[in-house]
């Protein structure tokens, strides 16, 4: 196994943050980009992951990565119509 890359599955259990750690197994499986991950352990606390991933669960201990992306940006709420208008660059309406 040539590993290194890690994937994390974060969730809450009994009001505690925990996450599962999956380690990459590359070159061993015929998947797109050989992005196959095997379960390693469960840890408590916040996950160190900074991206979201879409995976297919192959078995209880194996997943295949389909894609990953940054989490969506938070939407800033505006107070009213005029605040929205003033947020645009200076231009003639």
Protein backbone atom coordinates (compact mmCIF):
# COMPACT_ATOMS: atom_id res chain seq x y z
CA UNK A 1 0.00 0.00 0.00
CA UNK A 2 1.30 3.43 -0.93
CA UNK A 3 -0.63 5.83 1.30
CA UNK A 4 -0.37 9.30 2.61
CA UNK A 5 -3.48 11.27 1.73
CA UNK A 6 -6.23 11.24 4.33
CA UNK A 7 -9.99 11.74 4.23
CA UNK A 8 -12.10 12.52 7.29
CA UNK A 9 -15.76 11.83 8.04
CA UNK A 10 -16.89 14.29 10.74
CA UNK A 11 -20.09 13.91 12.78
CA UNK A 12 -21.54 14.33 16.27
CA UNK A 13 -22.31 11.53 18.71
CA UNK A 14 -23.85 12.21 22.12
CA UNK A 15 -23.16 15.96 21.61
CA UNK A 16 -19.44 15.31 21.05
CA UNK A 17 -17.56 16.07 17.82
CA UNK A 18 -15.82 12.99 16.43
CA UNK A 19 -14.39 11.97 13.08
CA UNK A 20 -13.29 8.85 11.24
CA UNK A 21 -9.89 8.80 9.54
CA UNK A 22 -9.47 7.11 6.14
CA UNK A 23 -6.02 6.70 4.57
CA UNK A 24 -5.43 6.60 0.81
CA UNK A 25 -4.46 3.41 -0.99
CA UNK A 26 -3.13 4.45 -4.39
CA UNK A 27 -2.25 2.33 -7.38
CA UNK A 28 -3.92 -0.76 -5.95
CA UNK A 29 -7.47 -0.26 -7.23
CA UNK A 30 -8.79 0.57 -10.73
CA UNK A 31 -10.77 3.69 -9.73
CA UNK A 32 -10.75 7.16 -11.21
CA UNK A 33 -7.43 8.70 -10.16
CA UNK A 34 -6.93 5.69 -7.86
CA UNK A 35 -8.55 7.59 -4.99
CA UNK A 36 -9.44 4.65 -2.76
CA UNK A 37 -9.43 5.12 1.03
CA UNK A 38 -9.51 2.58 3.88
CA UNK A 39 -10.78 3.23 7.43
CA UNK A 40 -7.98 3.66 10.00
CA UNK A 41 -9.48 4.94 13.26
CA UNK A 42 -12.03 7.16 15.00
CA UNK A 43 -10.85 10.26 16.90
CA UNK A 44 -12.59 12.78 19.13
CA UNK A 45 -12.54 16.53 18.53
CA UNK A 46 -12.94 18.67 15.44
CA UNK A 47 -11.80 17.25 12.10
CA UNK A 48 -8.67 18.87 10.59
CA UNK A 49 -10.29 18.74 7.14
CA UNK A 50 -10.77 22.00 5.24
CA UNK A 51 -12.65 20.64 2.19
CA UNK A 52 -15.85 18.67 1.58
CA UNK A 53 -15.84 15.40 -0.34
CA UNK A 54 -18.28 13.22 -2.22
CA UNK A 55 -17.49 9.52 -1.75
CA UNK A 56 -19.00 6.14 -2.55
CA UNK A 57 -18.97 3.64 0.30
CA UNK A 58 -17.64 0.30 -1.01
CA UNK A 59 -17.80 -1.51 2.33
CA UNK A 60 -17.81 -0.66 6.04
CA UNK A 61 -14.11 0.20 5.83
CA UNK A 62 -13.60 1.40 2.24
CA UNK A 63 -14.64 4.50 0.29
CA UNK A 64 -13.84 5.84 -3.20
CA UNK A 65 -13.44 9.60 -3.68
CA UNK A 66 -15.58 11.11 -6.46
CA UNK A 67 -14.90 14.81 -5.98
CA UNK A 68 -14.02 17.44 -3.41
CA UNK A 69 -14.65 21.16 -3.00
CA UNK A 70 -14.35 24.05 -0.61
CA UNK A 71 -17.30 24.46 1.77
CA UNK A 72 -19.85 27.04 0.60
CA UNK A 73 -19.13 30.61 1.62
CA UNK A 74 -21.40 32.15 4.21
CA UNK A 75 -24.01 34.50 2.81
CA UNK A 76 -23.99 37.96 4.29
CA UNK A 77 -27.47 39.14 5.18
CA UNK A 78 -28.34 42.72 4.30
CA UNK A 79 -30.69 44.83 6.34
CA UNK A 80 -32.76 46.41 3.59
CA UNK A 81 -33.08 47.41 -0.06
CA UNK A 82 -30.91 50.55 0.20
CA UNK A 83 -28.09 48.71 1.92
CA UNK A 84 -28.09 46.28 -0.99
CA UNK A 85 -28.02 49.12 -3.53
CA UNK A 86 -25.17 50.86 -1.71
CA UNK A 87 -23.14 47.63 -1.67
CA UNK A 88 -22.66 47.81 -5.48
CA UNK A 89 -19.76 49.82 -6.96
CA UNK A 90 -20.40 53.51 -7.60
CA UNK A 91 -22.30 53.65 -10.90
CA UNK A 92 -25.22 55.50 -12.41
CA UNK A 93 -28.53 53.71 -12.08
